[in-house]
Amino acid sequence: KKKKENLPLSKTRLTDINRLVGADKQIVLPRGTFKAEKIPQKGSLDLRNFLSAKKNLSSFEYLPENVQSNEFSSNSIIDFRLAKASEIIPNIQNVVSTVNLGIQLDLKRIALRARNAEYNPRRFAAVIMRIRDPKTTALIFSSGKMVITGAKSEEEAKTSCKKYTRIIQRLGYGHAKFLDFRIQNIVASCDIRFPIRLESLAHAHNQFCSYEPELFPGLIYRMISPKVVLLIFVSGKIVLTGAKQRKDIYQAFSNIYAVLCLFRKS
């Protein structure tokens, strides 16, 4: 009779493996790499290789449900951390945009005639105007330039700019135009759901990081490509800002997630 441990085990889904290894050992992968002997079937893992691997593995082969087994080779294995990162999508919290009306404006006249506007030149040299749908705020300057904040998407930002332009036109500036609309900043946030060793991260990536816990509890990580600034907190909460395109937010999070896994608190 063959010993039980020598018997080949059938391929099992990720949920079955997690159930087998126990809650305290599920996907706790500090370092090293793992490569299965055979190409796994669609949406499955090789349990025999998984159990025979060392305990300090950092990643193992995982083929997503939407990838066919005949479409890839052993050299095109997807790292599990990247697969895990794809499950977490940063939520867009604010989109800042600008537009130029192409004319000079009398801010006092606008503030007196508009119901949803306030103007205090001693505090700030712009009219603050708000609308409810979409819920945004506009800063209107006498030069004819506007800054719109509070939008949750690029489409909302553009819709808001057009509505503010229409309001200005109805206040007696019928020749106001909609020029040079641009997205200036996108702010997003997410939670990776595990604590991070910020001191070790700041030491290992000191050329990108700024960490002064006495002044601010978060670590400031300035990514070069894409050019995005990340605020990383010990709880696992992350704020991403400085991007001008949504894809830069997703790319920056995908880049930082693999790094943060190395500095996970045990």
Protein backbone atom coordinates (compact mmCIF):
# COMPACT_ATOMS: atom_id res chain seq x y z
CA LYS A 1 0.00 0.00 0.00
CA LYS A 2 1.11 3.51 -0.74
CA LYS A 3 1.38 5.91 2.09
CA LYS A 4 -1.40 8.43 2.31
CA GLU A 5 0.87 11.45 1.90
CA ASN A 6 2.22 10.10 -1.37
CA LEU A 7 -1.19 9.83 -2.95
CA PRO A 8 -1.88 12.60 -5.47
CA LEU A 9 -4.54 14.96 -4.25
CA SER A 10 -7.15 16.38 -6.56
CA LYS A 11 -7.15 20.07 -7.42
CA THR A 12 -9.21 22.13 -5.01
CA ARG A 13 -10.63 25.62 -5.06
CA LEU A 14 -9.17 28.46 -2.99
CA THR A 15 -12.03 28.32 -0.49
CA ASP A 16 -11.37 24.63 0.19
CA ILE A 17 -7.67 25.30 0.79
CA ASN A 18 -8.48 28.11 3.20
CA ARG A 19 -10.82 25.80 5.05
CA LEU A 20 -8.10 23.15 5.25
CA VAL A 21 -5.20 25.26 6.50
CA GLY A 22 -7.33 27.04 9.11
CA ALA A 23 -8.26 30.64 9.77
CA ASP A 24 -4.91 31.49 11.40
CA LYS A 25 -2.89 30.47 8.31
CA GLN A 26 -5.07 31.76 5.49
CA ILE A 27 -3.04 33.76 2.97
CA VAL A 28 -0.46 34.92 5.55
CA LEU A 29 2.47 35.07 3.11
CA PRO A 30 5.49 37.14 4.21
CA ARG A 31 8.25 36.11 1.74
CA GLY A 32 9.39 33.70 -0.98
CA THR A 33 7.63 32.47 -4.10
CA PHE A 34 5.80 29.34 -5.08
CA LYS A 35 5.37 27.73 -8.48
CA ALA A 36 3.12 24.76 -9.15
CA GLU A 37 4.53 21.76 -10.99
CA LYS A 38 1.60 21.66 -13.37
CA ILE A 39 -0.54 24.35 -14.94
CA PRO A 40 -3.62 24.65 -12.69
CA GLN A 41 -7.09 24.22 -14.05
CA LYS A 42 -9.46 27.16 -14.40
CA GLY A 43 -10.18 28.81 -11.03
CA SER A 44 -8.25 26.19 -9.04
CA LEU A 45 -5.02 25.54 -7.13
CA ASP A 46 -2.79 22.50 -6.93
CA LEU A 47 -3.41 21.39 -3.35
CA ARG A 48 -0.60 18.81 -3.34
CA ASN A 49 2.00 21.43 -4.21
CA PHE A 50 0.45 23.92 -1.82
CA LEU A 51 0.70 21.54 1.15
CA SER A 52 4.27 20.49 0.30
CA ALA A 53 5.49 24.10 0.00
CA LYS A 54 7.27 25.87 2.84
CA LYS A 55 5.34 27.89 5.39
CA ASN A 56 7.04 31.19 4.54
CA LEU A 57 5.73 31.42 0.98
CA SER A 58 4.72 34.84 -0.31
CA SER A 59 2.69 33.88 -3.34
CA PHE A 60 1.36 30.91 -5.25
CA GLU A 61 -0.16 30.31 -8.63
CA TYR A 62 -3.77 31.29 -9.05
CA LEU A 63 -5.64 31.37 -12.32
CA PRO A 64 -8.74 33.62 -12.21
CA GLU A 65 -12.10 32.35 -13.34
CA ASN A 66 -12.07 34.45 -16.52
CA VAL A 67 -8.73 33.08 -17.81
CA GLN A 68 -8.78 29.86 -19.82
CA SER A 69 -6.11 27.27 -18.97
CA ASN A 70 -4.98 27.01 -22.60
CA GLU A 71 -4.30 30.76 -22.83
CA PHE A 72 -1.23 30.89 -20.60
CA SER A 73 2.00 29.08 -19.83
CA SER A 74 3.99 28.54 -16.64
CA ASN A 75 5.89 31.79 -17.38
CA SER A 76 2.71 33.89 -17.23
CA ILE A 77 1.60 33.07 -13.69
CA ILE A 78 -0.45 35.70 -11.88
CA ASP A 79 0.91 36.64 -8.47
CA PHE A 80 -1.66 36.07 -5.76
CA ARG A 81 -1.11 39.49 -4.26
CA LEU A 82 -2.03 41.17 -7.53
CA ALA A 83 -5.11 38.96 -7.74
CA LYS A 84 -5.99 39.97 -4.18
CA ALA A 85 -5.38 43.65 -4.95
CA SER A 86 -7.79 43.45 -7.87
CA GLU A 87 -10.56 42.56 -5.39
CA ILE A 88 -10.08 45.91 -3.57
CA ILE A 89 -11.16 48.89 -5.64
CA PRO A 90 -10.34 52.41 -4.36
CA ASN A 91 -13.47 54.53 -3.98
CA ILE A 92 -13.40 57.94 -5.66
CA GLN A 93 -14.17 60.54 -2.98
CA ASN A 94 -13.57 63.83 -4.79
CA VAL A 95 -12.88 65.07 -8.31
CA VAL A 96 -11.54 68.61 -8.69
CA SER A 97 -11.95 70.23 -12.08
CA THR A 98 -11.52 73.66 -13.65
CA VAL A 99 -13.19 75.52 -16.50
CA ASN A 100 -12.81 78.94 -18.08
CA LEU A 101 -15.84 81.08 -18.96
CA GLY A 102 -13.76 83.36 -21.18
CA ILE A 103 -15.13 86.65 -19.73
CA GLN A 104 -14.62 89.01 -16.79
CA LEU A 105 -17.22 88.70 -14.02
CA ASP A 106 -18.68 91.09 -11.46
CA LEU A 107 -18.67 88.89 -8.38
CA LYS A 108 -20.78 91.25 -6.27
CA ARG A 109 -23.50 91.26 -8.91
CA ILE A 110 -23.48 87.46 -9.08
CA ALA A 111 -23.66 87.11 -5.30
CA LEU A 112 -26.65 89.50 -5.06
CA ARG A 113 -28.65 87.87 -7.85
CA ALA A 114 -27.96 84.18 -7.14
CA ARG A 115 -29.70 82.42 -4.26
CA ASN A 116 -27.15 79.65 -3.84
CA ALA A 117 -24.05 81.87 -3.62
CA GLU A 118 -22.02 83.63 -0.94
CA TYR A 119 -19.31 86.24 -1.32
CA ASN A 120 -17.05 87.75 1.33
CA PRO A 121 -14.08 89.48 -0.36
CA ARG A 122 -12.34 90.03 2.97
CA ARG A 123 -12.09 86.28 3.53
CA PHE A 124 -11.78 84.89 -0.01
CA ALA A 125 -11.67 86.59 -3.40
CA ALA A 126 -14.23 84.33 -5.08
CA VAL A 127 -17.95 83.60 -5.05
CA ILE A 128 -18.79 80.25 -3.44
CA MET A 129 -21.74 78.67 -5.23
CA ARG A 130 -23.37 75.30 -4.51
CA ILE A 131 -25.85 73.04 -6.30
CA ARG A 132 -27.60 69.90 -5.08
CA ASP A 133 -27.56 67.64 -8.16
CA PRO A 134 -24.80 66.68 -8.42
CA LYS A 135 -23.79 67.85 -4.95
CA THR A 136 -20.81 70.07 -5.72
CA THR A 137 -19.28 73.44 -4.85
CA ALA A 138 -17.85 76.00 -7.27
CA LEU A 139 -15.35 78.78 -6.64
CA ILE A 140 -16.02 81.51 -9.21
CA PHE A 141 -13.28 84.11 -9.75
CA SER A 142 -13.57 87.53 -11.37
CA SER A 143 -11.23 86.40 -14.17
CA GLY A 144 -13.94 84.02 -15.37
CA LYS A 145 -12.27 80.87 -14.12
CA MET A 146 -14.10 78.33 -11.97
CA VAL A 147 -12.92 75.51 -9.70
CA ILE A 148 -15.47 72.77 -9.01
CA THR A 149 -15.04 70.34 -6.11
CA GLY A 150 -17.11 67.59 -4.51
CA ALA A 151 -17.90 65.50 -7.58
CA LYS A 152 -17.72 61.71 -7.22
CA SER A 153 -16.78 61.00 -10.83
CA GLU A 154 -15.45 62.68 -13.95
CA GLU A 155 -18.94 62.70 -15.47
CA GLU A 156 -20.40 64.46 -12.42
CA ALA A 157 -17.60 67.03 -12.56
CA LYS A 158 -18.31 67.87 -16.19
CA THR A 159 -22.08 68.00 -15.60
CA SER A 160 -21.56 70.35 -12.67
CA CYS A 161 -19.34 72.66 -14.71
CA LYS A 162 -22.01 72.92 -17.40
CA LYS A 163 -24.70 73.70 -14.83
CA TYR A 164 -22.63 76.44 -13.21
CA THR A 165 -21.90 77.89 -16.64
CA ARG A 166 -25.63 77.94 -17.40
CA ILE A 167 -26.34 79.70 -14.09
CA ILE A 168 -23.80 82.41 -14.91
CA GLN A 169 -25.35 82.85 -18.36
CA ARG A 170 -28.81 83.36 -16.79
CA LEU A 171 -27.40 86.04 -14.47
CA GLY A 172 -26.73 88.34 -17.40
CA TYR A 173 -23.57 86.88 -18.90
CA GLY A 174 -25.12 85.27 -21.94
CA HIS A 175 -21.84 85.28 -23.86
CA ALA A 176 -20.09 83.13 -21.23
CA LYS A 177 -18.48 80.07 -22.78
CA PHE A 178 -17.46 76.59 -21.64
CA LEU A 179 -13.70 76.49 -22.31
CA ASP A 180 -10.70 74.41 -21.23
CA PHE A 181 -12.46 71.89 -19.01
CA ARG A 182 -9.84 69.82 -17.17
CA ILE A 183 -9.66 67.33 -14.33
CA GLN A 184 -7.03 68.65 -11.94
CA ASN A 185 -7.13 66.15 -9.08
CA ILE A 186 -8.79 62.86 -8.15
CA VAL A 187 -8.94 61.73 -4.52
CA ALA A 188 -9.72 58.12 -3.63
CA SER A 189 -9.61 55.96 -0.51
CA CYS A 190 -9.63 52.27 0.36
CA ASP A 191 -9.00 49.80 3.18
CA ILE A 192 -6.65 46.83 2.72
CA ARG A 193 -7.93 45.29 5.98
CA PHE A 194 -4.63 44.53 7.71
CA PRO A 195 -2.29 46.66 9.88
CA ILE A 196 1.01 47.97 8.50
CA ARG A 197 4.44 48.51 10.05
CA LEU A 198 4.90 52.14 9.02
CA GLU A 199 8.33 52.56 10.65
CA SER A 200 9.81 49.67 8.67
CA LEU A 201 8.18 50.88 5.47
CA ALA A 202 9.55 54.40 5.94
CA HIS A 203 13.05 53.02 6.56
CA ALA A 204 13.03 50.67 3.55
CA HIS A 205 11.54 53.26 1.14
CA ASN A 206 13.05 56.41 2.61
CA GLN A 207 13.56 57.98 -0.84
CA PHE A 208 9.78 58.00 -1.39
CA CYS A 209 8.42 58.27 2.16
CA SER A 210 7.92 60.96 4.77
CA TYR A 211 6.83 59.77 8.20
CA GLU A 212 6.63 62.10 11.20
CA PRO A 213 4.19 60.51 13.69
CA GLU A 214 4.53 63.50 16.06
CA LEU A 215 3.14 65.81 13.37
CA PHE A 216 0.83 63.52 11.35
CA PRO A 217 -0.16 59.90 12.07
CA GLY A 218 0.01 58.79 8.43
CA LEU A 219 2.95 57.95 6.21
CA ILE A 220 3.23 60.09 3.07
CA TYR A 221 4.36 58.01 0.10
CA ARG A 222 5.19 59.95 -3.08
CA MET A 223 5.03 57.54 -6.00
CA ILE A 224 6.95 58.55 -9.12
CA SER A 225 5.10 56.51 -11.75
CA PRO A 226 2.23 57.12 -11.77
CA LYS A 227 2.66 60.48 -10.07
CA VAL A 228 0.36 59.92 -7.09
CA VAL A 229 0.69 60.75 -3.39
CA LEU A 230 -0.55 58.14 -0.91
CA LEU A 231 -1.40 58.65 2.76
CA ILE A 232 -0.92 55.28 4.47
CA PHE A 233 -2.18 54.70 8.01
CA VAL A 234 -1.24 51.94 10.43
CA SER A 235 -4.81 50.60 10.40
CA GLY A 236 -4.58 49.76 6.69
CA LYS A 237 -6.56 52.76 5.47
CA ILE A 238 -5.10 54.47 2.39
CA VAL A 239 -5.87 57.82 0.75
CA LEU A 240 -4.67 58.37 -2.83
CA THR A 241 -4.49 61.87 -4.27
CA GLY A 242 -2.80 63.86 -7.02
CA ALA A 243 -3.99 61.75 -9.95
CA LYS A 244 -5.51 63.33 -13.03
CA GLN A 245 -6.92 60.09 -14.43
CA ARG A 246 -8.82 57.27 -12.78
CA LYS A 247 -6.44 54.65 -14.18
CA ASP A 248 -3.54 56.29 -12.30
CA ILE A 249 -5.39 55.71 -9.02
CA TYR A 250 -5.87 52.02 -9.78
CA GLN A 251 -2.28 51.59 -10.99
CA ALA A 252 -0.85 53.31 -7.91
CA PHE A 253 -2.89 51.09 -5.59
CA SER A 254 -1.83 47.96 -7.46
CA ASN A 255 1.82 49.03 -7.10
CA ILE A 256 1.62 49.84 -3.39
CA TYR A 257 -0.39 46.77 -2.40
CA ALA A 258 2.47 44.37 -3.15
CA VAL A 259 4.80 46.57 -1.08
CA LEU A 260 2.42 46.79 1.88
CA CYS A 261 2.08 43.01 2.01
CA LEU A 262 5.79 42.86 2.87
CA PHE A 263 5.24 45.17 5.84
CA ARG A 264 2.14 43.54 7.24
CA LYS A 265 1.99 43.34 11.03
CA SER A 266 1.98 39.77 12.24
